[in-house]
Amino acid sequence: RASNVTAPDLALEMENTWKERLETGSIIAGSPATVRERLEECIESLN
């Protein structure tokens, strides 16, 4: 709090593992089938 780090910065700092970054959607990665599925969700949810 004292260092004035913003909340999104903290959110990313809390993700220390590959699994956490995949679960939150910070990263979309994997096999082509996995990436297709996640990207379709990304594209449609954001329009």
All heavy atoms as atom14 arrays in JSON, in Angstrom:
{
  "sequence": "RASNVTAPDLALEMENTWKERLETGSIIAGSPATVRERLEECIESLN",
  "atom14_mask": [
    [1, 1, 1, 1, 1, 1, 1, 1, 1, 1, 1, 0, 0, 0],
    [1, 1, 1, 1, 1, 0, 0, 0, 0, 0, 0, 0, 0, 0],
    [1, 1, 1, 1, 1, 1, 0, 0, 0, 0, 0, 0, 0, 0],
    [1, 1, 1, 1, 1, 1, 1, 1, 0, 0, 0, 0, 0, 0],
    [1, 1, 1, 1, 1, 1, 1, 0, 0, 0, 0, 0, 0, 0],
    [1, 1, 1, 1, 1, 1, 1, 0, 0, 0, 0, 0, 0, 0],
    [1, 1, 1, 1, 1, 0, 0, 0, 0, 0, 0, 0, 0, 0],
    [1, 1, 1, 1, 1, 1, 1, 0, 0, 0, 0, 0, 0, 0],
    [1, 1, 1, 1, 1, 1, 1, 1, 0, 0, 0, 0, 0, 0],
    [1, 1, 1, 1, 1, 1, 1, 1, 0, 0, 0, 0, 0, 0],
    [1, 1, 1, 1, 1, 0, 0, 0, 0, 0, 0, 0, 0, 0],
    [1, 1, 1, 1, 1, 1, 1, 1, 0, 0, 0, 0, 0, 0],
    [1, 1, 1, 1, 1, 1, 1, 1, 1, 0, 0, 0, 0, 0],
    [1, 1, 1, 1, 1, 1, 1, 1, 0, 0, 0, 0, 0, 0],
    [1, 1, 1, 1, 1, 1, 1, 1, 1, 0, 0, 0, 0, 0],
    [1, 1, 1, 1, 1, 1, 1, 1, 0, 0, 0, 0, 0, 0],
    [1, 1, 1, 1, 1, 1, 1, 0, 0, 0, 0, 0, 0, 0],
    [1, 1, 1, 1, 1, 1, 1, 1, 1, 1, 1, 1, 1, 1],
    [1, 1, 1, 1, 1, 1, 1, 1, 1, 0, 0, 0, 0, 0],
    [1, 1, 1, 1, 1, 1, 1, 1, 1, 0, 0, 0, 0, 0],
    [1, 1, 1, 1, 1, 1, 1, 1, 1, 1, 1, 0, 0, 0],
    [1, 1, 1, 1, 1, 1, 1, 1, 0, 0, 0, 0, 0, 0],
    [1, 1, 1, 1, 1, 1, 1, 1, 1, 0, 0, 0, 0, 0],
    [1, 1, 1, 1, 1, 1, 1, 0, 0, 0, 0, 0, 0, 0],
    [1, 1, 1, 1, 0, 0, 0, 0, 0, 0, 0, 0, 0, 0],
    [1, 1, 1, 1, 1, 1, 0, 0, 0, 0, 0, 0, 0, 0],
    [1, 1, 1, 1, 1, 1, 1, 1, 0, 0, 0, 0, 0, 0],
    [1, 1, 1, 1, 1, 1, 1, 1, 0, 0, 0, 0, 0, 0],
    [1, 1, 1, 1, 1, 0, 0, 0, 0, 0, 0, 0, 0, 0],
    [1, 1, 1, 1, 0, 0, 0, 0, 0, 0, 0, 0, 0, 0],
    [1, 1, 1, 1, 1, 1, 0, 0, 0, 0, 0, 0, 0, 0],
    [1, 1, 1, 1, 1, 1, 1, 0, 0, 0, 0, 0, 0, 0],
    [1, 1, 1, 1, 1, 0, 0, 0, 0, 0, 0, 0, 0, 0],
    [1, 1, 1, 1, 1, 1, 1, 0, 0, 0, 0, 0, 0, 0],
    [1, 1, 1, 1, 1, 1, 1, 0, 0, 0, 0, 0, 0, 0],
    [1, 1, 1, 1, 1, 1, 1, 1, 1, 1, 1, 0, 0, 0],
    [1, 1, 1, 1, 1, 1, 1, 1, 1, 0, 0, 0, 0, 0],
    [1, 1, 1, 1, 1, 1, 1, 1, 1, 1, 1, 0, 0, 0],
    [1, 1, 1, 1, 1, 1, 1, 1, 0, 0, 0, 0, 0, 0],
    [1, 1, 1, 1, 1, 1, 1, 1, 1, 0, 0, 0, 0, 0],
    [1, 1, 1, 1, 1, 1, 1, 1, 1, 0, 0, 0, 0, 0],
    [1, 1, 1, 1, 1, 1, 0, 0, 0, 0, 0, 0, 0, 0],
    [1, 1, 1, 1, 1, 1, 1, 1, 0, 0, 0, 0, 0, 0],
    [1, 1, 1, 1, 1, 1, 1, 1, 1, 0, 0, 0, 0, 0],
    [1, 1, 1, 1, 1, 1, 0, 0, 0, 0, 0, 0, 0, 0],
    [1, 1, 1, 1, 1, 1, 1, 1, 0, 0, 0, 0, 0, 0],
    [1, 1, 1, 1, 1, 1, 1, 1, 0, 0, 0, 0, 0, 0]
  ],
  "atom14_positions": [
    [[0.84, -1.2, 0.0], [0.0, 0.0, 0.0], [0.88, 1.25, 0.0], [0.62, 2.22, -0.7], [-0.91, 0.0, 1.22], [-2.0, -1.06, 1.2], [-3.03, -0.8, 2.29], [-3.99, -1.87, 2.37], [-3.91, -2.89, 3.21], [-2.9, -2.97, 4.06], [-4.83, -3.84, 3.21], [0.0, 0.0, 0.0], [0.0, 0.0, 0.0], [0.0, 0.0, 0.0]],
    [[1.92, 1.22, 0.82], [2.79, 2.39, 0.92], [3.54, 2.67, -0.37], [3.86, 3.81, -0.68], [3.79, 2.18, 2.06], [0.0, 0.0, 0.0], [0.0, 0.0, 0.0], [0.0, 0.0, 0.0], [0.0, 0.0, 0.0], [0.0, 0.0, 0.0], [0.0, 0.0, 0.0], [0.0, 0.0, 0.0], [0.0, 0.0, 0.0], [0.0, 0.0, 0.0]],
    [[3.8, 1.63, -1.16], [4.57, 1.82, -2.4], [3.7, 2.29, -3.55], [4.2, 2.52, -4.64], [5.26, 0.52, -2.79], [4.3, -0.44, -3.21], [0.0, 0.0, 0.0], [0.0, 0.0, 0.0], [0.0, 0.0, 0.0], [0.0, 0.0, 0.0], [0.0, 0.0, 0.0], [0.0, 0.0, 0.0], [0.0, 0.0, 0.0], [0.0, 0.0, 0.0]],
    [[2.38, 2.42, -3.32], [1.47, 2.93, -4.34], [1.39, 2.01, -5.55], [1.25, 2.45, -6.69], [1.89, 4.34, -4.79], [0.79, 5.05, -5.56], [-0.38, 4.82, -5.32], [1.18, 5.9, -6.5], [0.0, 0.0, 0.0], [0.0, 0.0, 0.0], [0.0, 0.0, 0.0], [0.0, 0.0, 0.0], [0.0, 0.0, 0.0], [0.0, 0.0, 0.0]],
    [[1.54, 0.71, -5.36], [1.37, -0.24, -6.44], [-0.13, -0.35, -6.74], [-0.94, -0.44, -5.83], [1.93, -1.62, -6.04], [1.69, -2.64, -7.15], [3.42, -1.51, -5.75], [0.0, 0.0, 0.0], [0.0, 0.0, 0.0], [0.0, 0.0, 0.0], [0.0, 0.0, 0.0], [0.0, 0.0, 0.0], [0.0, 0.0, 0.0], [0.0, 0.0, 0.0]],
    [[-0.5, -0.3, -8.02], [-1.92, -0.33, -8.37], [-2.47, -1.74, -8.28], [-1.74, -2.72, -8.35], [-2.13, 0.2, -9.79], [-1.46, -0.69, -10.7], [-1.59, 1.6, -9.95], [0.0, 0.0, 0.0], [0.0, 0.0, 0.0], [0.0, 0.0, 0.0], [0.0, 0.0, 0.0], [0.0, 0.0, 0.0], [0.0, 0.0, 0.0], [0.0, 0.0, 0.0]],
    [[-3.77, -1.84, -8.18], [-4.42, -3.13, -8.01], [-4.16, -4.1, -9.16], [-3.92, -5.27, -8.92], [-5.93, -2.93, -7.8], [0.0, 0.0, 0.0], [0.0, 0.0, 0.0], [0.0, 0.0, 0.0], [0.0, 0.0, 0.0], [0.0, 0.0, 0.0], [0.0, 0.0, 0.0], [0.0, 0.0, 0.0], [0.0, 0.0, 0.0], [0.0, 0.0, 0.0]],
    [[-4.2, -3.68, -10.44], [-3.88, -4.64, -11.49], [-2.45, -5.17, -11.38], [-2.18, -6.34, -11.62], [-4.05, -3.83, -12.78], [-4.99, -2.75, -12.42], [-4.67, -2.41, -11.0], [0.0, 0.0, 0.0], [0.0, 0.0, 0.0], [0.0, 0.0, 0.0], [0.0, 0.0, 0.0], [0.0, 0.0, 0.0], [0.0, 0.0, 0.0], [0.0, 0.0, 0.0]],
    [[-1.51, -4.3, -10.98], [-0.15, -4.76, -10.78], [-0.11, -5.85, -9.71], [0.56, -6.86, -9.85], [0.76, -3.6, -10.34], [0.89, -2.54, -11.41], [0.78, -2.88, -12.59], [1.08, -1.38, -11.05], [0.0, 0.0, 0.0], [0.0, 0.0, 0.0], [0.0, 0.0, 0.0], [0.0, 0.0, 0.0], [0.0, 0.0, 0.0], [0.0, 0.0, 0.0]],
    [[-0.86, -5.63, -8.62], [-0.89, -6.61, -7.54], [-1.53, -7.9, -8.02], [-1.08, -8.99, -7.67], [-1.67, -6.04, -6.35], [-0.97, -4.91, -5.59], [-1.93, -4.34, -4.55], [0.29, -5.41, -4.93], [0.0, 0.0, 0.0], [0.0, 0.0, 0.0], [0.0, 0.0, 0.0], [0.0, 0.0, 0.0], [0.0, 0.0, 0.0], [0.0, 0.0, 0.0]],
    [[-2.57, -7.78, -8.83], [-3.22, -8.99, -9.34], [-2.24, -9.85, -10.11], [-2.21, -11.07, -9.97], [-4.41, -8.6, -10.22], [0.0, 0.0, 0.0], [0.0, 0.0, 0.0], [0.0, 0.0, 0.0], [0.0, 0.0, 0.0], [0.0, 0.0, 0.0], [0.0, 0.0, 0.0], [0.0, 0.0, 0.0], [0.0, 0.0, 0.0], [0.0, 0.0, 0.0]],
    [[-1.42, -9.21, -10.93], [-0.45, -9.96, -11.7], [0.66, -10.5, -10.81], [1.19, -11.59, -11.05], [0.12, -9.09, -12.82], [-0.9, -8.62, -13.86], [-0.23, -7.74, -14.89], [-1.57, -9.8, -14.53], [0.0, 0.0, 0.0], [0.0, 0.0, 0.0], [0.0, 0.0, 0.0], [0.0, 0.0, 0.0], [0.0, 0.0, 0.0], [0.0, 0.0, 0.0]],
    [[1.05, -9.72, -9.8], [2.08, -10.19, -8.88], [1.64, -11.42, -8.1], [2.45, -12.25, -7.72], [2.46, -9.07, -7.91], [3.32, -7.98, -8.54], [3.67, -6.89, -7.55], [3.46, -7.11, -6.35], [4.14, -5.83, -7.99], [0.0, 0.0, 0.0], [0.0, 0.0, 0.0], [0.0, 0.0, 0.0], [0.0, 0.0, 0.0], [0.0, 0.0, 0.0]],
    [[0.34, -11.54, -7.85], [-0.16, -12.69, -7.09], [-0.09, -13.98, -7.91], [-0.17, -15.07, -7.38], [-1.62, -12.45, -6.67], [-1.8, -11.27, -5.73], [-0.84, -11.44, -4.22], [-1.11, -9.84, -3.48], [0.0, 0.0, 0.0], [0.0, 0.0, 0.0], [0.0, 0.0, 0.0], [0.0, 0.0, 0.0], [0.0, 0.0, 0.0], [0.0, 0.0, 0.0]],
    [[0.06, -13.84, -9.24], [0.13, -15.01, -10.1], [1.6, -15.39, -10.26], [2.34, -14.78, -11.03], [-0.48, -14.71, -11.47], [-1.96, -14.4, -11.41], [-2.49, -13.96, -12.76], [-1.77, -14.06, -13.77], [-3.63, -13.5, -12.78], [0.0, 0.0, 0.0], [0.0, 0.0, 0.0], [0.0, 0.0, 0.0], [0.0, 0.0, 0.0], [0.0, 0.0, 0.0]],
    [[2.02, -16.41, -9.57], [3.42, -16.79, -9.59], [3.68, -18.06, -10.38], [4.83, -18.43, -10.61], [3.94, -16.97, -8.16], [3.96, -15.66, -7.4], [4.4, -14.65, -7.94], [3.46, -15.68, -6.18], [0.0, 0.0, 0.0], [0.0, 0.0, 0.0], [0.0, 0.0, 0.0], [0.0, 0.0, 0.0], [0.0, 0.0, 0.0], [0.0, 0.0, 0.0]],
    [[2.62, -18.73, -10.8], [2.81, -20.0, -11.49], [2.15, -19.96, -12.86], [1.25, -19.16, -13.13], [2.2, -21.16, -10.69], [0.76, -21.04, -10.69], [2.71, -21.16, -9.25], [0.0, 0.0, 0.0], [0.0, 0.0, 0.0], [0.0, 0.0, 0.0], [0.0, 0.0, 0.0], [0.0, 0.0, 0.0], [0.0, 0.0, 0.0], [0.0, 0.0, 0.0]],
    [[2.61, -20.84, -13.71], [2.04, -21.01, -15.05], [0.55, -21.34, -14.94], [-0.28, -20.77, -15.66], [2.8, -22.13, -15.76], [2.31, -22.52, -17.11], [1.59, -23.62, -17.44], [2.55, -21.82, -18.34], [1.35, -23.67, -18.79], [1.94, -22.57, -19.37], [3.22, -20.65, -18.67], [1.98, -22.19, -20.71], [3.26, -20.25, -20.0], [2.65, -21.01, -21.0]],
    [[0.21, -22.24, -14.05], [-1.19, -22.65, -13.89], [-2.08, -21.48, -13.51], [-3.18, -21.31, -14.04], [-1.28, -23.75, -12.82], [-2.7, -24.27, -12.6], [-2.73, -25.36, -11.54], [-4.16, -25.83, -11.29], [-4.21, -26.87, -10.22], [0.0, 0.0, 0.0], [0.0, 0.0, 0.0], [0.0, 0.0, 0.0], [0.0, 0.0, 0.0], [0.0, 0.0, 0.0]],
    [[-1.61, -20.65, -12.59], [-2.41, -19.48, -12.17], [-2.64, -18.52, -13.33], [-3.73, -17.98, -13.48], [-1.71, -18.76, -11.02], [-1.75, -19.52, -9.7], [-0.85, -18.9, -8.65], [0.08, -18.13, -9.0], [-1.08, -19.19, -7.46], [0.0, 0.0, 0.0], [0.0, 0.0, 0.0], [0.0, 0.0, 0.0], [0.0, 0.0, 0.0], [0.0, 0.0, 0.0]],
    [[-1.63, -18.32, -14.15], [-1.77, -17.4, -15.27], [-2.73, -17.95, -16.32], [-3.46, -17.2, -16.96], [-0.4, -17.09, -15.87], [0.46, -16.26, -14.9], [1.82, -15.91, -15.46], [2.51, -15.05, -14.49], [3.69, -15.29, -13.96], [4.34, -16.4, -14.29], [4.24, -14.45, -13.11], [0.0, 0.0, 0.0], [0.0, 0.0, 0.0], [0.0, 0.0, 0.0]],
    [[-2.73, -19.25, -16.5], [-3.7, -19.85, -17.43], [-5.12, -19.76, -16.88], [-6.07, -19.48, -17.61], [-3.33, -21.31, -17.69], [-2.02, -21.59, -18.42], [-1.88, -23.09, -18.66], [-1.93, -20.84, -19.74], [0.0, 0.0, 0.0], [0.0, 0.0, 0.0], [0.0, 0.0, 0.0], [0.0, 0.0, 0.0], [0.0, 0.0, 0.0], [0.0, 0.0, 0.0]],
    [[-5.27, -20.01, -15.59], [-6.61, -20.02, -14.98], [-7.26, -18.64, -15.02], [-8.46, -18.52, -15.23], [-6.52, -20.52, -13.54], [-6.27, -22.02, -13.42], [-6.09, -22.47, -11.99], [-5.89, -21.59, -11.11], [-6.12, -23.69, -11.75], [0.0, 0.0, 0.0], [0.0, 0.0, 0.0], [0.0, 0.0, 0.0], [0.0, 0.0, 0.0], [0.0, 0.0, 0.0]],
    [[-6.48, -17.6, -14.82], [-7.05, -16.25, -14.84], [-7.21, -15.69, -16.25], [-7.92, -14.7, -16.44], [-6.16, -15.27, -14.04], [-4.87, -15.21, -14.66], [-6.04, -15.71, -12.6], [0.0, 0.0, 0.0], [0.0, 0.0, 0.0], [0.0, 0.0, 0.0], [0.0, 0.0, 0.0], [0.0, 0.0, 0.0], [0.0, 0.0, 0.0], [0.0, 0.0, 0.0]],
    [[-6.57, -16.33, -17.22], [-6.64, -15.83, -18.59], [-5.57, -14.81, -18.92], [-5.59, -14.23, -20.02], [0.0, 0.0, 0.0], [0.0, 0.0, 0.0], [0.0, 0.0, 0.0], [0.0, 0.0, 0.0], [0.0, 0.0, 0.0], [0.0, 0.0, 0.0], [0.0, 0.0, 0.0], [0.0, 0.0, 0.0], [0.0, 0.0, 0.0], [0.0, 0.0, 0.0]],
    [[-4.64, -14.55, -17.99], [-3.53, -13.66, -18.33], [-2.81, -14.18, -19.56], [-2.38, -13.41, -20.43], [-2.54, -13.56, -17.17], [-3.13, -12.92, -16.06], [0.0, 0.0, 0.0], [0.0, 0.0, 0.0], [0.0, 0.0, 0.0], [0.0, 0.0, 0.0], [0.0, 0.0, 0.0], [0.0, 0.0, 0.0], [0.0, 0.0, 0.0], [0.0, 0.0, 0.0]],
    [[-2.67, -15.5, -19.64], [-2.05, -16.16, -20.78], [-3.03, -17.19, -21.34], [-3.69, -17.89, -20.59], [-0.74, -16.85, -20.37], [0.32, -15.81, -19.97], [-0.21, -17.74, -21.48], [1.57, -16.42, -19.39], [0.0, 0.0, 0.0], [0.0, 0.0, 0.0], [0.0, 0.0, 0.0], [0.0, 0.0, 0.0], [0.0, 0.0, 0.0], [0.0, 0.0, 0.0]],
    [[-3.1, -17.25, -22.66], [-3.78, -18.35, -23.35], [-2.69, -19.18, -24.01], [-1.97, -18.69, -24.88], [-4.78, -17.83, -24.39], [-5.95, -17.12, -23.71], [-5.3, -18.98, -25.26], [-6.94, -16.51, -24.67], [0.0, 0.0, 0.0], [0.0, 0.0, 0.0], [0.0, 0.0, 0.0], [0.0, 0.0, 0.0], [0.0, 0.0, 0.0], [0.0, 0.0, 0.0]],
    [[-2.56, -20.43, -23.58], [-1.47, -21.26, -24.09], [-1.86, -22.73, -24.0], [-2.7, -23.12, -23.18], [-0.18, -21.01, -23.3], [0.0, 0.0, 0.0], [0.0, 0.0, 0.0], [0.0, 0.0, 0.0], [0.0, 0.0, 0.0], [0.0, 0.0, 0.0], [0.0, 0.0, 0.0], [0.0, 0.0, 0.0], [0.0, 0.0, 0.0], [0.0, 0.0, 0.0]],
    [[-1.22, -23.52, -24.85], [-1.46, -24.95, -24.84], [-1.44, -25.51, -26.24], [-0.84, -24.94, -27.16], [0.0, 0.0, 0.0], [0.0, 0.0, 0.0], [0.0, 0.0, 0.0], [0.0, 0.0, 0.0], [0.0, 0.0, 0.0], [0.0, 0.0, 0.0], [0.0, 0.0, 0.0], [0.0, 0.0, 0.0], [0.0, 0.0, 0.0], [0.0, 0.0, 0.0]],
    [[-2.13, -26.62, -26.41], [-2.26, -27.24, -27.73], [-3.11, -26.34, -28.63], [-3.82, -25.46, -28.14], [-2.92, -28.6, -27.6], [-4.29, -28.43, -27.22], [0.0, 0.0, 0.0], [0.0, 0.0, 0.0], [0.0, 0.0, 0.0], [0.0, 0.0, 0.0], [0.0, 0.0, 0.0], [0.0, 0.0, 0.0], [0.0, 0.0, 0.0], [0.0, 0.0, 0.0]],
    [[-3.08, -26.57, -29.95], [-3.96, -25.78, -30.82], [-5.43, -25.85, -30.41], [-6.13, -24.83, -30.44], [-3.72, -26.41, -32.2], [-2.31, -26.91, -32.13], [-2.15, -27.41, -30.72], [0.0, 0.0, 0.0], [0.0, 0.0, 0.0], [0.0, 0.0, 0.0], [0.0, 0.0, 0.0], [0.0, 0.0, 0.0], [0.0, 0.0, 0.0], [0.0, 0.0, 0.0]],
    [[-5.89, -27.02, -30.01], [-7.29, -27.15, -29.6], [-7.6, -26.32, -28.37], [-8.64, -25.64, -28.29], [-7.63, -28.62, -29.35], [0.0, 0.0, 0.0], [0.0, 0.0, 0.0], [0.0, 0.0, 0.0], [0.0, 0.0, 0.0], [0.0, 0.0, 0.0], [0.0, 0.0, 0.0], [0.0, 0.0, 0.0], [0.0, 0.0, 0.0], [0.0, 0.0, 0.0]],
    [[-6.7, -26.35, -27.39], [-6.9, -25.55, -26.17], [-6.9, -24.07, -26.5], [-7.75, -23.31, -26.01], [-5.78, -25.86, -25.15], [-5.88, -27.23, -24.75], [-5.91, -24.97, -23.92], [0.0, 0.0, 0.0], [0.0, 0.0, 0.0], [0.0, 0.0, 0.0], [0.0, 0.0, 0.0], [0.0, 0.0, 0.0], [0.0, 0.0, 0.0], [0.0, 0.0, 0.0]],
    [[-5.96, -23.63, -27.31], [-5.86, -22.21, -27.65], [-7.09, -21.76, -28.44], [-7.63, -20.67, -28.21], [-4.56, -21.92, -28.41], [-4.54, -20.5, -28.93], [-3.36, -22.17, -27.5], [0.0, 0.0, 0.0], [0.0, 0.0, 0.0], [0.0, 0.0, 0.0], [0.0, 0.0, 0.0], [0.0, 0.0, 0.0], [0.0, 0.0, 0.0], [0.0, 0.0, 0.0]],
    [[-7.55, -22.6, -29.35], [-8.77, -22.25, -30.11], [-9.95, -22.03, -29.17], [-10.7, -21.06, -29.3], [-9.1, -23.37, -31.11], [-8.19, -23.46, -32.3], [-8.81, -24.28, -33.41], [-9.08, -25.67, -33.03], [-8.25, -26.68, -33.26], [-7.07, -26.45, -33.84], [-8.58, -27.91, -32.92], [0.0, 0.0, 0.0], [0.0, 0.0, 0.0], [0.0, 0.0, 0.0]],
    [[-10.12, -22.94, -28.23], [-11.25, -22.86, -27.3], [-11.19, -21.58, -26.46], [-12.19, -20.86, -26.32], [-11.26, -24.08, -26.39], [-12.39, -24.08, -25.37], [-12.3, -25.27, -24.42], [-11.56, -26.24, -24.72], [-12.97, -25.23, -23.36], [0.0, 0.0, 0.0], [0.0, 0.0, 0.0], [0.0, 0.0, 0.0], [0.0, 0.0, 0.0], [0.0, 0.0, 0.0]],
    [[-10.02, -21.27, -25.89], [-9.88, -20.09, -25.04], [-10.01, -18.8, -25.86], [-10.62, -17.84, -25.41], [-8.52, -20.12, -24.33], [-8.32, -21.28, -23.39], [-9.2, -21.19, -22.13], [-8.89, -22.29, -21.23], [-9.48, -23.47, -21.25], [-10.42, -23.72, -22.15], [-9.15, -24.42, -20.38], [0.0, 0.0, 0.0], [0.0, 0.0, 0.0], [0.0, 0.0, 0.0]],
    [[-9.43, -18.81, -27.05], [-9.52, -17.6, -27.87], [-10.94, -17.33, -28.33], [-11.36, -16.18, -28.44], [-8.59, -17.71, -29.08], [-7.16, -17.25, -28.88], [-6.41, -17.31, -30.2], [-7.09, -15.83, -28.32], [0.0, 0.0, 0.0], [0.0, 0.0, 0.0], [0.0, 0.0, 0.0], [0.0, 0.0, 0.0], [0.0, 0.0, 0.0], [0.0, 0.0, 0.0]],
    [[-11.68, -18.39, -28.61], [-13.08, -18.18, -28.99], [-13.85, -17.53, -27.85], [-14.66, -16.63, -28.07], [-13.71, -19.52, -29.37], [-15.1, -19.36, -29.99], [-15.52, -20.6, -30.76], [-15.01, -21.69, -30.47], [-16.39, -20.46, -31.64], [0.0, 0.0, 0.0], [0.0, 0.0, 0.0], [0.0, 0.0, 0.0], [0.0, 0.0, 0.0], [0.0, 0.0, 0.0]],
    [[-13.58, -17.97, -26.63], [-14.21, -17.34, -25.46], [-13.78, -15.87, -25.36], [-14.62, -14.99, -25.12], [-13.8, -18.08, -24.19], [-14.39, -17.48, -22.92], [-13.83, -18.13, -21.65], [-13.16, -19.18, -21.75], [-14.05, -17.57, -20.56], [0.0, 0.0, 0.0], [0.0, 0.0, 0.0], [0.0, 0.0, 0.0], [0.0, 0.0, 0.0], [0.0, 0.0, 0.0]],
    [[-12.51, -15.6, -25.57], [-12.0, -14.23, -25.52], [-12.69, -13.35, -26.56], [-13.2, -12.27, -26.24], [-10.49, -14.25, -25.76], [-9.75, -12.66, -26.16], [0.0, 0.0, 0.0], [0.0, 0.0, 0.0], [0.0, 0.0, 0.0], [0.0, 0.0, 0.0], [0.0, 0.0, 0.0], [0.0, 0.0, 0.0], [0.0, 0.0, 0.0], [0.0, 0.0, 0.0]],
    [[-12.72, -13.81, -27.79], [-13.26, -13.02, -28.9], [-14.74, -12.74, -28.7], [-15.21, -11.61, -28.89], [-13.0, -13.76, -30.23], [-11.5, -13.76, -30.55], [-13.8, -13.13, -31.36], [-11.11, -14.79, -31.6], [0.0, 0.0, 0.0], [0.0, 0.0, 0.0], [0.0, 0.0, 0.0], [0.0, 0.0, 0.0], [0.0, 0.0, 0.0], [0.0, 0.0, 0.0]],
    [[-15.48, -13.77, -28.32], [-16.93, -13.61, -28.18], [-17.29, -12.79, -26.95], [-18.2, -11.96, -27.0], [-17.6, -14.98, -28.14], [-17.52, -15.71, -29.48], [-18.25, -17.03, -29.46], [-18.66, -17.48, -28.36], [-18.4, -17.64, -30.54], [0.0, 0.0, 0.0], [0.0, 0.0, 0.0], [0.0, 0.0, 0.0], [0.0, 0.0, 0.0], [0.0, 0.0, 0.0]],
    [[-16.59, -13.0, -25.84], [-16.95, -12.29, -24.62], [-16.64, -10.8, -24.72], [-17.34, -9.97, -24.12], [-16.23, -12.89, -23.42], [-14.82, -12.75, -23.54], [0.0, 0.0, 0.0], [0.0, 0.0, 0.0], [0.0, 0.0, 0.0], [0.0, 0.0, 0.0], [0.0, 0.0, 0.0], [0.0, 0.0, 0.0], [0.0, 0.0, 0.0], [0.0, 0.0, 0.0]],
    [[-15.61, -10.44, -25.49], [-15.24, -9.03, -25.64], [-15.86, -8.4, -26.89], [-15.82, -7.18, -27.04], [-13.72, -8.88, -25.7], [-12.93, -9.35, -24.48], [-11.43, -9.18, -24.71], [-13.36, -8.61, -23.22], [0.0, 0.0, 0.0], [0.0, 0.0, 0.0], [0.0, 0.0, 0.0], [0.0, 0.0, 0.0], [0.0, 0.0, 0.0], [0.0, 0.0, 0.0]],
    [[-16.38, -9.23, -27.79], [-16.89, -8.76, -29.08], [-15.81, -7.98, -29.82], [-15.99, -6.87, -30.3], [-18.13, -7.87, -28.89], [-18.85, -7.58, -30.2], [-18.99, -8.46, -31.06], [-19.31, -6.35, -30.38], [0.0, 0.0, 0.0], [0.0, 0.0, 0.0], [0.0, 0.0, 0.0], [0.0, 0.0, 0.0], [0.0, 0.0, 0.0], [0.0, 0.0, 0.0]]
  ]
}
